Protein backbone atom coordinates (compact mmCIF):
# COMPACT_ATOMS: atom_id res chain seq x y z
CA MET A 1 -0.11 0.02 0.11
CA ARG A 2 1.00 3.67 -0.42
CA ALA A 3 -0.44 6.95 0.75
CA TYR A 4 -1.15 9.33 -2.06
CA ILE A 5 -1.05 13.08 -0.94
CA GLN A 6 -2.05 16.41 -2.40
CA LYS A 7 -1.08 19.88 -1.15
CA SER A 8 -2.92 20.49 1.88
CA ASP A 9 -3.70 23.35 4.39
CA LEU A 10 -4.45 22.15 7.64
CA GLU A 11 -6.62 23.56 10.55
CA GLY A 12 -7.99 22.42 13.95
CA GLU A 13 -7.01 21.01 17.27
CA ILE A 14 -5.20 17.63 17.56
CA LYS A 15 -4.33 15.60 20.80
CA CYS A 16 -1.00 13.85 20.52
CA PRO A 17 -1.00 9.98 21.23
CA PRO A 18 0.14 8.65 24.52
CA GLY A 19 4.07 8.14 25.12
CA LYS A 20 5.37 5.03 23.54
CA SER A 21 8.48 4.92 25.81
CA GLU A 22 6.30 5.79 28.88
CA THR A 23 3.91 2.92 28.07
CA HIS A 24 6.76 0.34 27.58
CA ARG A 25 8.23 1.27 30.96
CA GLU A 26 4.79 1.20 32.75
CA ILE A 27 4.10 -2.10 31.41
CA PHE A 28 7.26 -3.87 32.26
CA LEU A 29 7.68 -2.28 35.72
CA SER A 30 4.06 -3.30 36.61
CA ALA A 31 4.58 -6.74 35.39
CA LEU A 32 7.48 -6.92 37.94
CA THR A 33 5.34 -6.70 41.15
CA ASP A 34 4.99 -9.76 43.22
CA GLY A 35 1.37 -10.37 42.65
CA LYS A 36 0.21 -6.85 43.15
CA VAL A 37 -2.15 -5.08 40.62
CA SER A 38 -1.36 -1.64 38.74
CA HIS A 39 -3.69 0.23 36.44
CA ILE A 40 -2.31 2.04 33.38
CA LYS A 41 -4.82 4.80 32.05
CA ASN A 42 -4.30 6.16 28.58
CA PRO A 43 -1.48 3.85 27.40
CA LEU A 44 -0.42 3.70 23.74
CA LEU A 45 -1.61 0.64 22.35
CA GLY A 46 0.31 0.24 19.07
CA ARG A 47 2.55 -2.55 17.45
CA ASP A 48 5.56 -2.12 19.75
CA THR A 49 3.66 -1.80 23.11
CA ILE A 50 1.42 -4.84 22.20
CA ALA A 51 4.74 -6.72 21.78
CA THR A 52 5.76 -5.68 25.09
CA ILE A 53 2.37 -6.88 26.54
CA ASP A 54 2.86 -10.31 24.89
CA ALA A 55 6.39 -10.56 26.38
CA CYS A 56 5.36 -9.64 29.75
CA ARG A 57 2.47 -12.42 29.53
CA LYS A 58 5.07 -14.99 28.43
CA PHE A 59 7.11 -14.06 31.69
CA GLY A 60 4.06 -14.82 33.79
CA ALA A 61 2.21 -11.46 34.31
CA THR A 62 -1.60 -11.22 33.82
CA ILE A 63 -2.65 -8.24 31.64
CA THR A 64 -6.13 -7.08 30.55
CA ILE A 65 -7.26 -4.55 28.42
CA ASP A 66 -10.71 -2.93 29.14
CA SER A 67 -13.27 -1.42 26.82
CA GLU A 68 -11.47 2.07 26.90
CA ASN A 69 -7.97 0.46 26.37
CA ASN A 70 -6.65 0.93 29.78
CA LEU A 71 -4.58 -1.97 31.10
CA THR A 72 -4.92 -3.86 34.53
CA ILE A 73 -1.71 -5.66 35.28
CA THR A 74 -0.96 -8.32 37.90
CA GLY A 75 2.68 -8.77 38.13
CA LYS A 76 4.93 -11.80 38.66
CA ALA A 77 8.40 -11.29 39.95
CA ASN A 78 9.84 -14.74 39.81
CA LEU A 79 10.25 -16.80 36.91
CA ASP A 80 9.61 -20.55 36.70
CA GLY A 81 11.95 -22.74 34.65
CA ARG A 82 9.94 -23.28 31.48
CA ASN A 83 11.33 -22.30 28.12
CA ARG A 84 9.82 -19.43 26.16
CA PHE A 85 9.52 -17.72 22.73
CA ILE A 86 9.18 -14.02 22.30
CA ASP A 87 8.37 -12.27 19.09
CA ALA A 88 9.20 -8.64 19.77
CA SER A 89 7.98 -7.73 16.33
CA ASN A 90 9.43 -4.13 15.26
CA SER A 91 10.33 -3.13 18.88
CA GLY A 92 13.99 -2.64 20.07
CA THR A 93 12.58 -1.61 23.44
CA THR A 94 10.77 -4.82 23.74
CA ILE A 95 13.55 -7.14 22.87
CA ARG A 96 16.21 -5.29 24.86
CA ILE A 97 14.20 -5.19 28.19
CA ALA A 98 12.88 -8.49 27.72
CA THR A 99 16.35 -10.04 27.07
CA ALA A 100 17.50 -8.62 30.45
CA ARG A 101 14.35 -10.17 32.16
CA ALA A 102 15.17 -13.52 30.56
CA ALA A 103 18.52 -13.66 32.37
CA LEU A 104 16.58 -13.58 35.75
CA GLY A 105 15.10 -17.10 34.97
CA GLU A 106 16.29 -20.72 34.67
CA GLY A 107 14.55 -21.55 31.60
CA GLU A 108 15.81 -20.59 28.04
CA THR A 109 14.18 -17.63 26.36
CA GLU A 110 14.45 -17.22 22.67
CA LEU A 111 13.89 -13.80 21.44
CA THR A 112 13.34 -12.61 17.79
CA GLY A 113 11.43 -9.97 15.64
CA ASP A 114 10.70 -8.89 12.20
CA SER A 115 13.34 -8.34 9.28
CA SER A 116 14.25 -4.84 10.68
CA LEU A 117 14.49 -5.93 14.33
CA ARG A 118 16.91 -8.75 13.22
CA THR A 119 19.36 -6.19 12.22
CA ARG A 120 19.61 -4.21 15.41
CA PRO A 121 22.66 -4.70 17.67
CA MET A 122 22.23 -6.47 20.88
CA MET A 123 26.00 -7.43 21.55
CA PRO A 124 26.80 -4.75 24.27
CA LEU A 125 23.71 -6.03 26.57
CA LEU A 126 24.64 -9.87 25.59
CA ASN A 127 28.11 -9.28 26.70
CA ALA A 128 27.05 -7.60 29.95
CA LEU A 129 24.60 -10.26 30.80
CA ARG A 130 27.32 -12.82 30.09
CA ASP A 131 29.69 -11.02 32.42
CA LEU A 132 26.94 -11.30 35.06
CA GLY A 133 26.62 -15.10 34.52
CA ALA A 134 23.91 -15.58 32.05
CA GLN A 135 24.32 -17.85 29.11
CA CYS A 136 23.52 -15.67 25.80
CA SER A 137 23.96 -16.74 22.11
CA SER A 138 23.01 -14.92 18.91
CA ALA A 139 22.13 -16.52 15.55
CA GLY A 140 23.89 -13.86 13.99
CA ASN A 141 26.77 -11.30 14.71
CA GLY A 142 25.08 -9.98 17.87
CA VAL A 143 21.83 -9.58 16.39
CA PRO A 144 18.47 -11.30 16.80
CA PRO A 145 17.43 -14.25 16.98
CA ILE A 146 19.03 -14.63 20.30
CA LYS A 147 18.81 -17.17 23.20
CA VAL A 148 19.16 -16.31 26.92
CA ARG A 149 19.28 -18.55 30.11
CA GLY A 150 19.92 -17.23 33.69
CA MET A 151 20.09 -17.05 36.34
CA VAL A 152 22.33 -13.90 37.13
CA SER A 153 22.69 -12.78 40.85
CA GLY A 154 24.07 -9.46 40.18
CA GLY A 155 27.38 -7.52 40.97
CA GLU A 156 29.32 -5.18 38.97
CA VAL A 157 28.95 -4.71 35.18
CA PHE A 158 30.55 -2.49 32.42
CA ILE A 159 28.68 -1.56 29.16
CA ASP A 160 29.29 0.70 26.18
CA GLY A 161 26.71 3.40 26.25
CA SER A 162 27.40 4.69 22.57
CA VAL A 163 25.00 2.14 20.74
CA SER A 164 21.62 2.45 22.69
CA SER A 165 20.29 3.72 25.98
CA GLN A 166 17.96 0.73 25.90
CA PHE A 167 20.85 -1.45 27.13
CA ILE A 168 21.33 0.50 30.23
CA SER A 169 17.59 1.03 31.09
CA ALA A 170 17.22 -2.94 30.74
CA LEU A 171 20.07 -3.42 33.15
CA LEU A 172 18.88 -0.99 35.54
CA ILE A 173 15.38 -2.33 35.66
CA PHE A 174 16.35 -5.78 36.44
CA GLY A 175 19.20 -4.76 38.84
CA ALA A 176 16.82 -4.32 41.36
CA LEU A 177 15.82 -7.98 41.24
CA MET A 178 19.23 -9.37 41.32
CA GLU A 179 20.09 -10.92 44.62
CA LYS A 180 23.26 -8.73 44.88
CA GLY A 181 21.78 -5.72 43.26
CA LEU A 182 23.82 -4.39 40.34
CA THR A 183 26.63 -1.50 40.05
CA LEU A 184 26.76 -0.35 36.53
CA THR A 185 29.33 1.55 34.70
CA VAL A 186 28.66 3.08 31.57
CA LEU A 187 31.70 3.25 29.06
CA GLY A 188 32.06 6.00 26.55
CA ASN A 189 29.40 8.49 25.74
CA LEU A 190 25.86 7.64 26.79
CA VAL A 191 23.55 8.42 23.83
CA SER A 192 19.90 9.29 24.21
CA TYR A 193 20.50 9.69 27.93
CA HIS A 194 16.96 11.33 28.46
CA TYR A 195 15.44 7.95 28.12
CA VAL A 196 17.77 6.50 31.05
CA GLU A 197 16.30 9.46 33.07
CA GLY A 198 12.77 8.36 32.12
CA THR A 199 13.53 4.92 33.08
CA ILE A 200 14.85 5.83 36.73
CA ASP A 201 11.76 8.15 37.10
CA ALA A 202 9.61 5.24 36.39
CA MET A 203 11.48 2.84 38.80
CA ARG A 204 11.20 5.41 41.34
CA ARG A 205 7.29 5.75 40.78
CA HIS A 206 7.19 1.82 41.45
CA GLY A 207 9.10 2.32 44.64
CA VAL A 208 12.48 1.28 43.63
CA GLU A 209 15.55 3.74 44.02
CA VAL A 210 18.52 4.02 41.80
CA ARG A 211 21.74 5.49 43.21
CA THR A 212 23.45 7.90 40.80
CA ILE A 213 27.29 7.88 41.58
CA VAL A 214 28.32 9.70 38.62
CA PRO A 215 25.43 10.94 36.38
CA PHE A 216 25.19 9.24 32.97
CA LYS A 217 28.37 7.09 33.85
CA LYS A 218 27.79 4.96 37.06
CA TYR A 219 24.80 3.78 39.00
CA ARG A 220 24.05 1.45 41.75
CA VAL A 221 20.79 -0.35 42.16
CA PRO A 222 20.35 -2.29 45.49
CA ASN A 223 18.13 -5.42 45.64
CA GLN A 224 14.52 -4.14 46.14
CA LYS A 225 10.74 -5.13 45.12
CA TYR A 226 8.58 -3.11 42.76
CA SER A 227 5.34 -1.66 44.02
CA ALA A 228 2.05 -1.45 42.04
CA VAL A 229 0.95 1.99 40.96
CA ASP A 230 -2.13 3.61 39.14
CA HIS A 231 -0.60 6.01 36.51
CA GLU A 232 -1.84 7.68 33.39
CA VAL A 233 0.50 8.01 30.48
CA ALA A 234 1.12 11.45 29.11
CA GLY A 235 1.26 12.55 25.50
CA ASP A 236 4.41 11.89 23.41
CA TRP A 237 6.62 14.48 22.59
CA SER A 238 8.35 12.62 19.85
CA SER A 239 4.97 12.57 18.07
CA ALA A 240 4.32 16.22 19.11
CA ALA A 241 7.63 17.16 17.27
CA LEU A 242 6.21 15.97 14.08
CA VAL A 243 2.80 17.83 14.66
CA ILE A 244 4.85 21.01 15.32
CA ALA A 245 6.67 20.55 11.99
CA MET A 246 3.39 19.81 10.24
CA ALA A 247 1.72 23.09 11.88
CA ALA A 248 4.90 24.93 10.51
CA LEU A 249 4.61 23.67 7.08
CA VAL A 250 0.78 23.32 6.21
CA GLY A 251 -0.87 24.43 9.38
CA ARG A 252 -3.45 27.25 8.63
CA GLU A 253 -4.41 27.25 12.41
CA VAL A 254 -3.54 24.15 14.21
CA SER A 255 -3.00 23.71 17.91
CA ILE A 256 -2.18 20.82 20.31
CA VAL A 257 -4.36 19.88 23.17
CA ASP A 258 -1.88 20.29 25.90
CA ASN A 259 -1.48 16.91 27.47
CA ILE A 260 2.25 17.02 27.17
CA SER A 261 3.75 20.29 28.37
CA LYS A 262 4.51 18.98 32.08
CA SER A 263 5.82 15.64 30.93
CA PRO A 264 9.66 15.21 31.44
CA GLN A 265 10.58 13.84 28.12
CA GLY A 266 13.61 14.72 26.44
CA ASP A 267 12.02 15.34 23.21
CA ARG A 268 10.39 18.37 24.53
CA ALA A 269 13.46 19.92 23.36
CA ILE A 270 11.61 20.47 20.11
CA LEU A 271 10.14 23.55 21.70
CA GLY A 272 13.50 25.26 21.94
CA TYR A 273 14.72 24.08 18.47
CA ALA A 274 11.39 25.29 16.86
CA GLN A 275 11.76 28.71 18.43
CA GLN A 276 15.48 28.85 17.25
CA LEU A 277 14.24 28.35 13.81
CA GLY A 278 11.82 31.28 14.05
CA ILE A 279 8.61 29.24 14.87
CA ARG A 280 6.32 30.99 17.47
CA ILE A 281 4.88 28.56 20.11
CA LYS A 282 2.52 29.67 23.00
CA SER A 283 0.95 27.54 25.66
CA ASP A 284 -2.03 28.69 27.78
CA GLY A 285 -2.08 25.56 29.82
CA TYR A 286 -4.79 24.06 27.65
CA ARG A 287 -3.43 24.05 24.26
CA ILE A 288 -0.06 24.62 22.46
CA SER A 289 -0.33 26.93 19.43
CA ILE A 290 2.09 27.13 16.59
CA GLU A 291 2.75 30.11 14.16
CA SER A 292 5.39 29.92 11.38
CA PRO A 293 6.91 32.66 9.30
CA LYS A 294 6.95 32.34 5.61
CA TYR A 295 10.72 31.21 5.93
CA LEU A 296 12.61 29.65 8.68
CA ASN A 297 16.07 30.22 9.94
CA GLY A 298 18.85 27.73 9.58
CA GLY A 299 20.86 26.31 12.47
CA ARG A 300 22.92 23.57 14.00
CA PHE A 301 21.31 21.01 16.28
CA ASP A 302 23.03 18.38 18.26
CA LEU A 303 20.68 15.58 18.51
CA ASN A 304 22.82 13.04 20.49
CA ALA A 305 20.38 12.92 23.41
CA THR A 306 17.25 13.23 21.07
CA PRO A 307 17.62 11.26 18.16
CA ASP A 308 13.88 10.76 17.52
CA LEU A 309 13.77 14.35 16.74
CA LEU A 310 15.81 13.77 13.53
CA PRO A 311 12.78 13.41 11.09
CA ALA A 312 10.90 16.43 12.45
CA ILE A 313 13.74 18.87 12.34
CA ALA A 314 14.76 17.65 8.86
CA LEU A 315 11.25 18.75 7.78
CA PHE A 316 12.18 22.40 8.70
CA ALA A 317 14.64 22.38 5.94
CA LEU A 318 11.83 22.52 3.35
CA LYS A 319 11.17 26.21 4.18
CA SER A 320 14.62 27.31 5.33
CA PRO A 321 16.75 29.07 2.81
CA GLU A 322 19.63 28.72 5.27
CA PRO A 323 21.31 25.43 5.95
CA ILE A 324 20.40 23.25 8.69
CA TYR A 325 22.98 21.00 10.28
CA LEU A 326 21.83 17.75 12.18
CA THR A 327 24.76 16.46 14.24
CA ASN A 328 26.26 13.83 16.53
CA VAL A 329 23.32 11.47 15.93
CA ALA A 330 25.18 8.44 14.37
CA HIS A 331 22.95 6.26 16.55
CA ALA A 332 20.07 7.08 14.22
CA ARG A 333 21.59 4.72 11.82
CA LYS A 334 20.51 1.87 14.20
CA LYS A 335 16.70 2.62 14.45
CA GLU A 336 13.92 0.91 12.60
CA THR A 337 16.04 1.84 9.39
CA ASP A 338 19.17 4.03 8.68
CA ARG A 339 17.34 7.31 9.29
CA ILE A 340 20.36 9.30 8.29
CA LYS A 341 20.92 7.52 4.99
CA VAL A 342 17.08 7.25 4.09
CA ILE A 343 16.36 10.90 4.95
CA CYS A 344 19.16 12.08 2.63
CA GLN A 345 18.04 9.85 -0.18
CA GLU A 346 14.48 10.89 0.00
CA PHE A 347 14.99 14.42 0.51
CA SER A 348 17.38 14.64 -2.46
CA LYS A 349 14.38 13.54 -4.72
CA ILE A 350 12.49 16.63 -3.84
CA GLY A 351 15.30 19.12 -4.55
CA ILE A 352 16.91 19.64 -1.05
CA ASP A 353 20.64 20.13 -1.42
CA VAL A 354 21.80 17.23 0.76
CA GLU A 355 25.13 16.34 2.30
CA GLU A 356 25.11 13.15 4.35
CA LYS A 357 27.68 12.74 6.96
CA ALA A 358 28.51 9.81 9.24
CA ASP A 359 26.89 11.30 12.15
CA GLY A 360 24.21 13.50 10.71
CA MET A 361 23.54 15.67 7.61
CA ARG A 362 23.36 19.14 6.06
CA LEU A 363 20.12 20.19 4.43
CA GLN A 364 19.27 23.33 2.48
CA TRP A 365 16.25 24.41 0.46
CA ASN A 366 17.34 26.18 -2.79
CA GLY A 367 14.00 27.80 -3.55
CA GLU A 368 12.44 24.74 -5.66
CA LEU A 369 10.63 21.56 -4.27
CA TYR A 370 9.55 18.59 -6.56
CA PRO A 371 7.01 16.00 -6.11
CA ALA A 372 8.21 12.60 -5.31
CA ASP A 373 7.43 8.98 -4.41
CA PHE A 374 8.87 8.50 -0.93
CA ASP A 375 10.08 5.19 0.35
CA SER A 376 9.73 5.21 4.20
CA HIS A 377 11.31 1.87 4.47
CA ASP A 378 8.58 0.68 6.82
CA ASP A 379 9.63 3.21 9.44
CA HIS A 380 6.81 4.83 11.19
CA ARG A 381 8.44 8.10 12.08
CA LEU A 382 9.74 8.46 8.49
CA PHE A 383 6.28 7.68 7.00
CA MET A 384 4.77 10.53 9.02
CA ALA A 385 7.66 12.90 8.12
CA PHE A 386 7.43 12.09 4.31
CA SER A 387 3.53 12.54 4.44
CA ILE A 388 4.02 15.98 5.98
CA ALA A 389 6.55 16.82 3.22
CA GLY A 390 4.02 15.52 0.71
CA MET A 391 1.20 17.82 2.17
CA TYR A 392 3.61 20.83 1.76
CA ILE A 393 4.87 19.66 -1.80
CA GLY A 394 1.80 18.14 -3.35
CA ASN A 395 1.28 15.17 -5.78
CA CYS A 396 3.60 12.92 -3.78
CA SER A 397 3.07 9.31 -2.31
CA VAL A 398 4.76 7.51 0.58
CA SER A 399 5.35 3.84 1.07
CA HIS A 400 4.22 1.74 4.02
CA PRO A 401 1.32 3.69 5.67
CA GLU A 402 0.80 0.55 7.89
CA SER A 403 3.98 1.35 9.78
CA VAL A 404 2.19 4.05 11.93
CA ASP A 405 0.77 1.42 14.14
CA VAL A 406 3.91 1.55 15.68
CA SER A 407 3.52 4.96 17.58
CA TYR A 408 0.64 6.80 15.98
CA PRO A 409 -2.03 4.40 15.01
CA GLY A 410 -4.52 7.09 14.15
CA PHE A 411 -2.30 9.38 12.11
CA VAL A 412 -3.85 9.18 8.68
CA GLU A 413 -7.25 9.57 10.15
CA GLU A 414 -6.14 12.51 12.32
CA MET A 415 -4.47 14.22 9.25
CA LYS A 416 -7.76 13.82 7.16
CA ARG A 417 -9.85 15.17 10.03
CA LEU A 418 -7.66 18.36 9.86
CA HIS A 419 -8.46 18.31 6.13
CA ALA A 420 -5.25 16.76 4.89
CA LYS A 421 -5.62 15.39 1.34
CA ILE A 422 -4.36 11.92 1.98
CA GLU A 423 -5.52 8.48 0.56
CA VAL A 424 -4.27 4.99 1.27
CA ARG A 425 -4.65 2.40 -1.35
């Protein structure tokens, strides 16, 4: 299937979907309580988080979904000795956190996913779990499918932080259940560190303390028990960033229902980035309004801590006669696809002057834009970004519209409600 898109002017009010990262963490942590019941209101129920629900059920948690899509979770802290098979679909968060979970059980767990997930690196996490005493193997060169058998009892471990923060989050979460606790040292530069902060916040919400010895470098997690919570998931700043880009390009009068402004997500940095580019953003506590000038400023943006903002900020190049530099984000090459390579390839089709770099890109609009048939490479964020570009340019198409069920299942319908001219067939 493809989405066929004509030039559009959008107007109306939009509510961003719930946070994917926060939903993942709440499901995993609620599933670790010792028979206690948690209630999660307003979770994101997309392809990735459904994979996390399925994984937690395999580990023994009871999870029900009510008529309003809220979750009730009865946890199970201890694993039995049975073998398990977990299909994480397209979700890197699911497979990485579930891999650490598997190391706390005596049975063997095999973990795999779709063709994209089977290219994503796992070796730093597998090596760390081996150092703690788990048996781990990979069918490829450190990529899924993988097999894990515990049990680890804890201690001290070192892990490379330059590949994915999900490895660090996974170890911190399960360090609390290790008999000796866990002392974790991060080697090198910790990328996407805001997600580790989000993990630590979620752990504290569930009654588990993480001792920060050196911020983003060394942590100590004593042996503890997770508590049940009742929690409402906030809106997602990663998705909000794309909505802000959409409003800046094709929004005649678009505002965002303010269910996100108080949420401590790293991707709220989009507010400062957008204002640096010349976009005016105001919030009255109820809604966020976006006003964009005819042309945007250029600028240099270090996205090491916020790689999911890459597609949104790249879109601003479509109306900036000055260059936009996106830097220090090499780990974006290890997302659902190589986002640096794909954005550069696809934006070159529409006439953007592109210079691909090892850790980012330089983008500049030279006054002309051309229709194109975009290939999103089955990446949810790239599908949305290229669709927004299509609304701005007109007479475009984008592949893999089904990919949005990962983070924004209602994206196409929401765009249509705002009067976007987009058809999927």
